[in-house]
Amino acid sequence: MTIAVPSLRSLHGARVLGLGLFLLVAFLVVYPIALLVYQSFQVGTFGTPTTWGFDNWRAALGTPAMREAIVNTLSLTATRQLISFAVGMFIAWILARTDIPGGPWLEFGFWIAFFMPSLSGTLGWILMLDPDYGLINKLMLALPFVDAPPFNIFSWWGIVFTHLMTGSIAIKVMLLTPAFRNMDAALEEASRISGVGTLGTLARIVMPVMAPTLLVVFLMGTIRSMEAFEIELILGSPPQIDVYSTLIYRQIFDVQPQYGTATALSMMVLILLLPFIFLQQVFSRRRGQAVIGGKFAPRIHRLGAWRWIAFAAIALLLVFIAVVPVVLIVLGTFMKIFGYFTLPSGAFTLANWDKALHNPNLFSALIDTLAVASGAALLAMVLFSAIAYLSVRSQVAFPALLDFLTWLPSTVPGIVIGLGFLWLFLGTPVFRPIYGTPWVLMIAVVLGGMTTGVQIIKSNIAQISRELEEAAAVSGEIGRAHV
């Protein structure tokens, strides 16, 4: 029997390729963050000579609104994560491991909800839950026993609700459903044969096997929650609810931009999140994740009469997450005054569409958008797949460090990492010629989505046993011998 062994030349080539990719990722990720760290120690008014010092850090730590912003960020993050993680994990298990009707279509609905812009969803829910003109509040006030608007989206719970409806639940379902589906049923069957019940199997088998993936999803959700910006800015401004990202935004877009203070605030977020990333990596490395092998066999749980109840509940949730906001946003495009469903002279008009369609920049903007989106998608697919594979299967000595680098862009608020990318493109001779072109936007979009993209692909690769690759390698060698 002949066993296929990779040649020294192929191993050397793989290591050189891995080293080159590592250096590229390190430069594109570390250099912008290093520029931000450098900027945080530059003291002086924007546009004037600066000096080295710790004044920016003192100003950041001594900002009166800092403590309240930290409390709001942590409380909103914890509440969103607890609710969305529990709901998302339960829905993902139902879609992946039960005989619920229309499971693939329901899963596709959560993908649509995830890719829907959070701003559009927020505007849709404002039309529904605004305390003055929201449609639901108007309908509730028509009831004889309701004297005041019962819902106010411009509140702490309004921010939590809008996040749950615009992506927090959807991304959990999107990431966890494939992981549950890829789990070999042989593990559960062995547990049941040993006399362990359903709950015991879930606690002793399913959860430990899924723990690395669950931890990655939980950490990604926490990072996304801490850097959330749009919803907090729109819904938190009227009640003066500031979070970390909006506080940084106000520093940058002040009358005199405080870039040094803003970058110092961002570095504090990075320092806070680094221990969680290290914890996730240590935990993932210590636990095997391979659950798909040569004898992989899925198992579908029969829900019986509950299958239609589960279908109705998930479908209803999808209606609120994906359908209602879209319908309301489309309706809002026909409103004379956004948010008002009734006006003495009529509330609806086609003037908004006429003005938009006759905008001379519309066609060029659509072309640029499609070009950037297509280019970024192709580049991300190749780059993220290579990084994910090297992180899991790499023969080089630094897969953990490569994986760690992919987390860094998401630990810095987007509005600040954008400044880092800007300085990267302007300060690097190789990038300077493409500044002001769609290529710069493509690279920035890819770098901004690196954490989510790499972790999605990585979690699926990590669940595939090496024995399948070894079998494929042996089959390839045998095939060439026959030829």
Protein backbone atom coordinates (compact mmCIF):
# COMPACT_ATOMS: atom_id res chain seq x y z
CA MET A 1 0.00 0.00 0.00
CA THR A 2 1.38 3.39 -0.98
CA ILE A 3 0.65 6.46 1.13
CA ALA A 4 0.81 9.85 -0.57
CA VAL A 5 3.34 12.12 1.14
CA PRO A 6 3.62 15.75 0.08
CA SER A 7 6.98 16.51 -1.53
CA LEU A 8 9.45 18.85 0.12
CA ARG A 9 9.07 21.24 -2.80
CA SER A 10 5.28 21.46 -2.36
CA LEU A 11 5.63 21.94 1.39
CA HIS A 12 8.22 24.67 0.83
CA GLY A 13 5.97 26.39 -1.71
CA ALA A 14 3.00 26.24 0.67
CA ARG A 15 5.07 27.76 3.47
CA VAL A 16 6.36 30.55 1.24
CA LEU A 17 2.80 31.28 0.12
CA GLY A 18 1.59 31.22 3.73
CA LEU A 19 4.39 33.54 4.83
CA GLY A 20 3.61 35.97 2.01
CA LEU A 21 -0.09 36.04 2.90
CA PHE A 22 0.74 36.51 6.57
CA LEU A 23 3.01 39.49 5.84
CA LEU A 24 0.38 41.05 3.57
CA VAL A 25 -2.39 40.72 6.19
CA ALA A 26 -0.05 41.95 8.93
CA PHE A 27 0.83 45.07 6.94
CA LEU A 28 -2.76 45.90 5.93
CA VAL A 29 -4.08 45.38 9.46
CA VAL A 30 -1.29 46.37 11.84
CA TYR A 31 -0.03 49.45 10.00
CA PRO A 32 -3.35 51.41 10.12
CA ILE A 33 -3.77 50.55 13.81
CA ALA A 34 -0.16 51.59 14.47
CA LEU A 35 -0.94 54.93 12.81
CA LEU A 36 -3.95 55.33 15.12
CA VAL A 37 -1.80 54.57 18.18
CA TYR A 38 0.73 57.14 16.96
CA GLN A 39 -2.04 59.71 16.44
CA SER A 40 -3.36 59.18 19.98
CA PHE A 41 -0.10 60.60 21.38
CA GLN A 42 -0.06 63.63 19.04
CA VAL A 43 -1.21 66.66 21.07
CA GLY A 44 -2.44 69.78 19.32
CA THR A 45 -5.35 71.35 17.46
CA PHE A 46 -6.20 69.88 14.07
CA GLY A 47 -4.24 71.64 11.30
CA THR A 48 -1.52 72.97 13.62
CA PRO A 49 1.88 71.53 14.62
CA THR A 50 1.59 68.78 17.22
CA THR A 51 3.79 67.50 20.03
CA TRP A 52 4.14 64.20 21.85
CA GLY A 53 2.20 63.81 25.08
CA PHE A 54 -0.52 62.05 27.06
CA ASP A 55 -3.06 64.89 26.94
CA ASN A 56 -5.34 62.99 24.55
CA TRP A 57 -5.48 60.01 26.91
CA ARG A 58 -6.12 62.28 29.89
CA ALA A 59 -8.91 64.01 27.97
CA ALA A 60 -10.40 60.67 26.95
CA LEU A 61 -10.33 59.25 30.45
CA GLY A 62 -11.51 62.51 31.98
CA THR A 63 -14.42 63.18 29.61
CA PRO A 64 -17.52 63.77 31.80
CA ALA A 65 -19.72 61.66 29.51
CA MET A 66 -17.21 58.79 29.41
CA ARG A 67 -18.55 56.85 32.39
CA GLU A 68 -22.16 57.08 31.20
CA ALA A 69 -21.16 56.07 27.65
CA ILE A 70 -19.28 53.02 28.96
CA VAL A 71 -22.26 51.97 31.11
CA ASN A 72 -24.64 52.37 28.17
CA THR A 73 -22.33 50.43 25.83
CA LEU A 74 -21.87 47.53 28.23
CA SER A 75 -25.53 47.33 29.26
CA LEU A 76 -26.83 47.51 25.68
CA THR A 77 -24.25 44.94 24.55
CA ALA A 78 -25.05 42.50 27.36
CA THR A 79 -28.82 42.76 26.85
CA ARG A 80 -28.66 42.35 23.06
CA GLN A 81 -26.25 39.45 23.29
CA LEU A 82 -28.19 37.50 25.89
CA ILE A 83 -31.47 37.81 24.01
CA SER A 84 -30.17 37.37 20.46
CA PHE A 85 -27.81 34.53 21.34
CA ALA A 86 -30.48 32.48 23.09
CA VAL A 87 -33.09 33.11 20.38
CA GLY A 88 -30.63 32.68 17.50
CA MET A 89 -29.17 29.44 18.83
CA PHE A 90 -32.62 27.92 19.35
CA ILE A 91 -33.79 28.90 15.85
CA ALA A 92 -30.55 27.65 14.29
CA TRP A 93 -30.97 24.25 15.96
CA ILE A 94 -34.58 24.00 14.74
CA LEU A 95 -33.62 24.89 11.16
CA ALA A 96 -30.64 22.54 11.07
CA ARG A 97 -31.71 19.52 13.11
CA THR A 98 -35.49 19.22 12.82
CA ASP A 99 -38.07 18.50 10.14
CA ILE A 100 -39.59 22.00 10.22
CA PRO A 101 -41.42 22.75 6.94
CA GLY A 102 -39.67 25.16 4.59
CA GLY A 103 -36.45 25.16 6.59
CA PRO A 104 -34.16 26.25 3.70
CA TRP A 105 -36.48 29.13 2.82
CA LEU A 106 -36.65 30.29 6.42
CA GLU A 107 -32.86 30.16 6.65
CA PHE A 108 -32.62 32.18 3.43
CA GLY A 109 -34.93 34.77 5.02
CA PHE A 110 -32.42 35.35 7.83
CA TRP A 111 -29.67 35.85 5.25
CA ILE A 112 -31.79 38.54 3.61
CA ALA A 113 -32.38 40.16 7.00
CA PHE A 114 -28.65 40.12 7.75
CA PHE A 115 -27.70 41.85 4.49
CA MET A 116 -30.42 44.47 4.82
CA PRO A 117 -28.86 47.84 5.80
CA SER A 118 -29.46 48.60 9.47
CA LEU A 119 -30.28 52.21 8.60
CA SER A 120 -33.20 51.13 6.40
CA GLY A 121 -34.55 48.86 9.11
CA THR A 122 -34.22 51.63 11.68
CA LEU A 123 -36.15 54.10 9.54
CA GLY A 124 -38.84 51.47 9.01
CA TRP A 125 -39.30 50.92 12.73
CA ILE A 126 -39.34 54.67 13.36
CA LEU A 127 -42.38 54.82 11.09
CA MET A 128 -43.99 52.18 13.29
CA LEU A 129 -42.95 53.18 16.81
CA ASP A 130 -42.31 56.91 16.81
CA PRO A 131 -44.14 58.30 19.87
CA ASP A 132 -45.72 61.16 17.89
CA TYR A 133 -46.62 59.72 14.46
CA GLY A 134 -45.73 56.01 14.59
CA LEU A 135 -48.35 53.83 12.92
CA ILE A 136 -48.60 51.31 15.78
CA ASN A 137 -48.91 54.10 18.36
CA LYS A 138 -51.62 55.76 16.26
CA LEU A 139 -53.58 52.51 16.10
CA MET A 140 -53.15 51.92 19.84
CA LEU A 141 -54.36 55.44 20.65
CA ALA A 142 -57.56 54.68 18.77
CA LEU A 143 -58.44 52.19 21.52
CA PRO A 144 -60.68 53.66 24.27
CA PHE A 145 -58.46 52.48 27.15
CA VAL A 146 -55.16 53.88 25.78
CA ASP A 147 -54.44 57.51 26.72
CA ALA A 148 -50.75 57.87 25.79
CA PRO A 149 -48.47 56.36 23.14
CA PRO A 150 -47.38 53.00 24.61
CA PHE A 151 -44.15 52.69 22.61
CA ASN A 152 -41.19 55.02 22.19
CA ILE A 153 -38.45 53.83 19.87
CA PHE A 154 -36.23 56.73 20.98
CA SER A 155 -35.26 55.02 24.22
CA TRP A 156 -32.87 52.48 25.72
CA TRP A 157 -35.21 49.56 25.03
CA GLY A 158 -35.99 51.01 21.61
CA ILE A 159 -32.30 50.71 20.71
CA VAL A 160 -32.21 47.10 21.95
CA PHE A 161 -35.39 46.18 20.04
CA THR A 162 -34.19 47.77 16.80
CA HIS A 163 -30.87 45.94 16.96
CA LEU A 164 -32.65 42.62 17.50
CA MET A 165 -34.88 43.29 14.50
CA THR A 166 -32.13 44.52 12.18
CA GLY A 167 -29.36 41.97 12.45
CA SER A 168 -28.47 40.72 15.92
CA ILE A 169 -30.71 37.65 15.71
CA ALA A 170 -30.17 37.16 11.98
CA ILE A 171 -26.38 36.91 12.18
CA LYS A 172 -26.58 34.35 15.01
CA VAL A 173 -28.92 32.17 12.93
CA MET A 174 -26.78 32.62 9.82
CA LEU A 175 -23.57 31.54 11.57
CA LEU A 176 -24.92 28.79 13.82
CA THR A 177 -27.26 26.95 11.43
CA PRO A 178 -24.46 25.47 9.25
CA ALA A 179 -22.52 24.52 12.39
CA PHE A 180 -25.47 22.60 13.84
CA ARG A 181 -26.16 21.00 10.46
CA ASN A 182 -22.57 19.81 10.10
CA MET A 183 -22.54 17.97 13.43
CA ASP A 184 -22.31 14.20 13.04
CA ALA A 185 -25.34 12.45 14.53
CA ALA A 186 -23.16 9.50 15.57
CA LEU A 187 -22.13 11.50 18.62
CA GLU A 188 -25.73 11.99 19.69
CA GLU A 189 -26.62 8.38 18.94
CA ALA A 190 -23.74 7.12 21.08
CA SER A 191 -24.96 9.30 23.94
CA ARG A 192 -28.52 7.98 23.69
CA ILE A 193 -27.33 4.33 23.51
CA SER A 194 -25.45 4.99 26.74
CA GLY A 195 -28.76 5.94 28.36
CA VAL A 196 -28.39 9.72 28.35
CA GLY A 197 -31.58 11.70 27.66
CA THR A 198 -32.13 14.58 25.25
CA LEU A 199 -31.21 17.31 27.72
CA GLY A 200 -28.17 15.36 28.91
CA THR A 201 -27.04 14.81 25.34
CA LEU A 202 -27.46 18.51 24.63
CA ALA A 203 -25.45 19.47 27.71
CA ARG A 204 -22.74 16.80 27.54
CA ILE A 205 -22.29 16.26 23.78
CA VAL A 206 -23.79 18.98 21.60
CA MET A 207 -22.74 22.03 23.63
CA PRO A 208 -19.11 20.91 24.26
CA VAL A 209 -18.63 19.99 20.59
CA MET A 210 -20.19 23.28 19.49
CA ALA A 211 -18.41 25.34 22.16
CA PRO A 212 -15.62 26.74 19.92
CA THR A 213 -18.13 27.86 17.29
CA LEU A 214 -20.50 29.25 19.92
CA LEU A 215 -17.66 31.20 21.49
CA VAL A 216 -16.62 32.67 18.13
CA VAL A 217 -20.20 33.73 17.36
CA PHE A 218 -20.65 35.20 20.83
CA LEU A 219 -17.39 37.13 20.59
CA MET A 220 -18.24 38.44 17.11
CA GLY A 221 -21.64 39.57 18.35
CA THR A 222 -20.06 41.31 21.33
CA ILE A 223 -17.57 43.16 19.12
CA ARG A 224 -20.30 44.21 16.68
CA SER A 225 -22.41 45.42 19.60
CA MET A 226 -19.61 47.49 21.09
CA GLU A 227 -18.82 49.22 17.79
CA ALA A 228 -22.49 49.74 16.78
CA PHE A 229 -23.04 53.30 15.67
CA GLU A 230 -25.92 54.14 13.31
CA ILE A 231 -28.84 52.96 15.46
CA GLU A 232 -27.40 54.50 18.63
CA LEU A 233 -26.81 57.83 16.88
CA ILE A 234 -30.32 58.02 15.39
CA LEU A 235 -32.35 56.66 18.29
CA GLY A 236 -30.10 57.76 21.15
CA SER A 237 -29.71 61.44 20.22
CA PRO A 238 -33.20 62.66 21.29
CA PRO A 239 -32.98 61.08 24.80
CA GLN A 240 -29.22 61.90 24.93
CA ILE A 241 -28.11 58.26 25.19
CA ASP A 242 -24.46 58.13 24.16
CA VAL A 243 -22.40 55.00 23.65
CA TYR A 244 -18.71 54.60 22.99
CA SER A 245 -18.95 54.90 19.21
CA THR A 246 -21.20 57.98 19.22
CA LEU A 247 -18.91 59.66 21.73
CA ILE A 248 -15.99 59.07 19.35
CA TYR A 249 -18.12 60.38 16.47
CA ARG A 250 -18.76 63.64 18.33
CA GLN A 251 -15.03 64.03 18.98
CA ILE A 252 -14.20 63.65 15.27
CA PHE A 253 -16.99 65.86 13.92
CA ASP A 254 -16.69 68.60 16.50
CA VAL A 255 -16.21 72.19 15.34
CA GLN A 256 -12.52 71.56 15.97
CA PRO A 257 -11.99 67.82 15.31
CA GLN A 258 -10.32 66.05 18.23
CA TYR A 259 -8.64 63.21 16.32
CA GLY A 260 -6.16 62.53 19.10
CA THR A 261 -8.86 62.12 21.74
CA ALA A 262 -11.00 60.02 19.40
CA THR A 263 -8.14 57.64 18.60
CA ALA A 264 -7.30 57.36 22.30
CA LEU A 265 -10.90 56.36 22.98
CA SER A 266 -10.68 53.77 20.20
CA MET A 267 -7.47 52.28 21.57
CA MET A 268 -9.24 51.78 24.89
CA VAL A 269 -11.84 49.63 23.09
CA LEU A 270 -9.03 47.63 21.48
CA ILE A 271 -7.33 47.07 24.84
CA LEU A 272 -10.63 45.98 26.38
CA LEU A 273 -11.38 43.42 23.64
CA LEU A 274 -7.93 41.86 23.25
CA PRO A 275 -8.30 39.53 26.29
CA PHE A 276 -11.55 38.14 24.86
CA ILE A 277 -9.85 37.38 21.54
CA PHE A 278 -6.98 35.60 23.31
CA LEU A 279 -9.49 33.63 25.39
CA GLN A 280 -11.39 32.54 22.28
CA GLN A 281 -8.20 31.40 20.57
CA VAL A 282 -6.93 29.45 23.56
CA PHE A 283 -10.32 27.76 24.01
CA SER A 284 -10.62 26.92 20.31
CA ARG A 285 -7.12 25.46 20.11
CA ARG A 286 -7.71 23.19 23.09
CA ARG A 287 -10.91 21.70 21.74
CA GLY A 288 -11.25 19.72 18.53
CA GLN A 289 -13.99 20.92 16.20
CA ALA A 290 -13.91 18.27 13.47
CA VAL A 291 -17.38 16.75 13.31
CA ILE A 292 -17.63 15.83 9.60
CA GLY A 293 -15.69 12.71 8.73
CA GLY A 294 -15.82 9.90 6.23
CA LYS A 295 -18.78 8.36 8.05
CA PHE A 296 -20.70 11.59 8.59
CA ALA A 297 -24.43 11.11 9.04
CA PRO A 298 -26.90 13.86 9.98
CA ARG A 299 -29.90 13.18 12.16
CA ILE A 300 -33.22 14.97 11.90
CA HIS A 301 -35.39 15.27 15.00
CA ARG A 302 -39.12 14.82 14.43
CA LEU A 303 -41.18 17.64 15.92
CA GLY A 304 -44.55 16.07 15.27
CA ALA A 305 -47.40 18.55 15.75
CA TRP A 306 -44.92 21.19 16.94
CA ARG A 307 -43.36 21.51 13.48
CA TRP A 308 -46.12 23.80 12.21
CA ILE A 309 -46.11 25.84 15.42
CA ALA A 310 -42.35 26.30 15.07
CA PHE A 311 -42.78 27.24 11.41
CA ALA A 312 -45.44 29.85 12.25
CA ALA A 313 -43.34 31.38 15.04
CA ILE A 314 -40.16 31.67 12.95
CA ALA A 315 -42.06 32.89 9.89
CA LEU A 316 -43.76 35.57 12.00
CA LEU A 317 -40.39 36.69 13.35
CA LEU A 318 -39.05 36.90 9.79
CA VAL A 319 -42.01 39.05 8.79
CA PHE A 320 -41.02 41.59 11.46
CA ILE A 321 -37.31 41.34 10.69
CA ALA A 322 -37.27 41.32 6.89
CA VAL A 323 -40.70 42.20 5.48
CA VAL A 324 -42.18 44.97 7.64
CA PRO A 325 -39.16 47.34 7.44
CA VAL A 326 -38.93 46.95 3.65
CA VAL A 327 -42.64 47.59 3.14
CA LEU A 328 -42.52 50.69 5.33
CA ILE A 329 -39.38 52.07 3.69
CA VAL A 330 -40.96 51.67 0.25
CA LEU A 331 -44.09 53.35 1.56
CA GLY A 332 -41.94 56.16 3.00
CA THR A 333 -40.52 56.94 -0.44
CA PHE A 334 -43.99 58.09 -1.51
CA MET A 335 -44.59 60.33 1.54
CA LYS A 336 -44.64 64.10 1.18
CA ILE A 337 -43.31 64.40 4.74
CA PHE A 338 -41.50 61.31 5.96
CA GLY A 339 -43.36 59.65 8.81
CA TYR A 340 -46.76 61.28 8.30
CA PHE A 341 -49.42 58.92 6.99
CA THR A 342 -52.13 61.59 6.90
CA LEU A 343 -51.99 65.22 5.75
CA PRO A 344 -54.83 67.61 4.83
CA SER A 345 -53.58 67.88 1.24
CA GLY A 346 -52.77 64.19 0.90
CA ALA A 347 -49.80 62.37 2.39
CA PHE A 348 -48.41 60.61 -0.70
CA THR A 349 -46.71 61.78 -3.88
CA LEU A 350 -44.52 60.57 -6.77
CA ALA A 351 -42.30 63.65 -6.59
CA ASN A 352 -39.62 61.85 -4.54
CA TRP A 353 -39.18 59.17 -7.19
CA ASP A 354 -39.24 61.70 -10.00
CA LYS A 355 -36.48 63.72 -8.32
CA ALA A 356 -34.37 60.62 -7.61
CA LEU A 357 -34.69 59.15 -11.10
CA HIS A 358 -33.75 62.46 -12.71
CA ASN A 359 -30.64 62.86 -10.57
CA PRO A 360 -27.74 63.14 -13.07
CA ASN A 361 -25.43 61.22 -10.72
CA LEU A 362 -27.76 58.24 -10.24
CA PHE A 363 -26.47 56.07 -13.09
CA SER A 364 -22.78 56.63 -12.35
CA ALA A 365 -23.39 55.98 -8.65
CA LEU A 366 -25.08 52.66 -9.45
CA ILE A 367 -22.20 51.63 -11.72
CA ASP A 368 -19.63 52.52 -9.06
CA THR A 369 -21.61 50.66 -6.41
CA LEU A 370 -21.85 47.51 -8.51
CA ALA A 371 -18.15 47.70 -9.42
CA VAL A 372 -17.03 48.13 -5.81
CA ALA A 373 -19.41 45.43 -4.52
CA SER A 374 -18.44 42.89 -7.21
CA GLY A 375 -14.73 43.55 -6.91
CA ALA A 376 -14.79 43.44 -3.11
CA ALA A 377 -16.82 40.21 -3.12
CA LEU A 378 -14.39 38.44 -5.48
CA LEU A 379 -11.31 39.69 -3.64
CA ALA A 380 -12.80 38.80 -0.27
CA MET A 381 -13.79 35.30 -1.40
CA VAL A 382 -10.23 34.47 -2.46
CA LEU A 383 -8.45 36.23 0.40
CA PHE A 384 -10.73 35.10 3.22
CA SER A 385 -10.72 31.48 2.01
CA ALA A 386 -6.92 31.41 1.90
CA ILE A 387 -6.61 33.00 5.35
CA ALA A 388 -9.20 30.67 6.87
CA TYR A 389 -7.58 27.57 5.40
CA LEU A 390 -4.10 28.59 6.54
CA SER A 391 -5.42 29.38 10.03
CA VAL A 392 -6.89 25.88 10.36
CA ARG A 393 -4.65 23.66 8.20
CA SER A 394 -1.46 25.70 7.93
CA GLN A 395 1.97 24.04 7.96
CA VAL A 396 3.51 27.34 9.00
CA ALA A 397 4.31 28.12 12.62
CA PHE A 398 2.00 31.07 13.11
CA PRO A 399 -1.63 30.10 12.28
CA ALA A 400 -2.83 31.44 15.64
CA LEU A 401 -1.15 34.79 15.01
CA LEU A 402 -2.64 34.98 11.51
CA ASP A 403 -6.09 34.29 12.96
CA PHE A 404 -5.50 36.89 15.66
CA LEU A 405 -4.69 39.54 13.05
CA THR A 406 -8.03 38.99 11.32
CA TRP A 407 -9.84 40.02 14.51
CA LEU A 408 -8.09 43.38 14.87
CA PRO A 409 -10.03 45.46 12.26
CA SER A 410 -13.31 44.78 14.05
CA THR A 411 -12.00 45.80 17.48
CA VAL A 412 -11.63 49.43 16.44
CA PRO A 413 -14.85 51.43 15.77
CA GLY A 414 -15.48 51.68 12.05
CA ILE A 415 -15.43 55.47 11.93
CA VAL A 416 -11.90 55.47 13.38
CA ILE A 417 -10.44 52.50 11.50
CA GLY A 418 -11.59 54.36 8.39
CA LEU A 419 -9.14 57.12 9.32
CA GLY A 420 -6.42 54.51 9.71
CA PHE A 421 -7.14 53.14 6.24
CA LEU A 422 -7.09 56.69 4.84
CA TRP A 423 -3.65 57.33 6.33
CA LEU A 424 -2.53 53.91 5.05
CA PHE A 425 -3.52 54.73 1.46
CA LEU A 426 -2.05 58.25 1.56
CA GLY A 427 1.15 57.29 3.36
CA THR A 428 2.07 54.17 1.37
CA PRO A 429 3.63 54.81 -2.08
CA VAL A 430 2.21 51.58 -3.56
CA PHE A 431 -1.37 52.64 -2.68
CA ARG A 432 -1.08 56.36 -3.40
CA PRO A 433 -1.67 56.07 -7.19
CA ILE A 434 -5.01 54.29 -6.66
CA TYR A 435 -6.27 56.82 -4.10
CA GLY A 436 -9.55 58.32 -5.29
CA THR A 437 -10.42 55.24 -7.36
CA PRO A 438 -12.89 52.39 -6.67
CA TRP A 439 -9.92 50.13 -5.86
CA VAL A 440 -9.37 51.94 -2.58
CA LEU A 441 -13.00 51.39 -1.60
CA MET A 442 -12.75 47.70 -2.54
CA ILE A 443 -9.71 47.21 -0.31
CA ALA A 444 -11.31 49.13 2.57
CA VAL A 445 -14.53 47.11 2.30
CA VAL A 446 -12.59 43.83 2.28
CA LEU A 447 -10.50 44.82 5.30
CA GLY A 448 -13.57 46.02 7.19
CA GLY A 449 -15.36 42.70 6.67
CA MET A 450 -12.32 40.50 7.27
CA THR A 451 -13.30 39.30 10.75
CA THR A 452 -16.79 38.13 9.83
CA GLY A 453 -15.79 36.62 6.49
CA VAL A 454 -12.76 34.70 7.75
CA GLN A 455 -14.54 33.37 10.83
CA ILE A 456 -17.53 32.12 8.81
CA ILE A 457 -15.28 30.15 6.45
CA LYS A 458 -12.93 29.07 9.21
CA SER A 459 -15.71 27.63 11.37
CA ASN A 460 -16.83 25.41 8.48
CA ILE A 461 -13.30 24.26 7.59
CA ALA A 462 -12.56 23.48 11.23
CA GLN A 463 -15.54 21.11 11.37
CA ILE A 464 -14.21 18.97 8.50
CA SER A 465 -11.97 16.11 9.56
CA ARG A 466 -8.48 15.90 8.08
CA GLU A 467 -9.21 12.32 7.03
CA LEU A 468 -11.26 13.60 4.08
CA GLU A 469 -8.33 15.66 2.79
CA GLU A 470 -5.97 12.74 3.32
CA ALA A 471 -8.34 10.45 1.40
CA ALA A 472 -8.54 13.01 -1.41
CA ALA A 473 -4.74 13.27 -1.51
CA VAL A 474 -4.38 9.48 -1.73
CA SER A 475 -7.03 9.32 -4.46
CA GLY A 476 -5.20 11.97 -6.41
CA GLU A 477 -1.92 10.14 -6.24
CA ILE A 478 -3.56 6.87 -7.33
CA GLY A 479 -5.33 8.67 -10.19
CA ARG A 480 -2.04 10.11 -11.51
CA ALA A 481 -0.37 6.69 -11.22
CA HIS A 482 -3.07 5.16 -13.43
CA VAL A 483 -2.63 7.93 -15.97
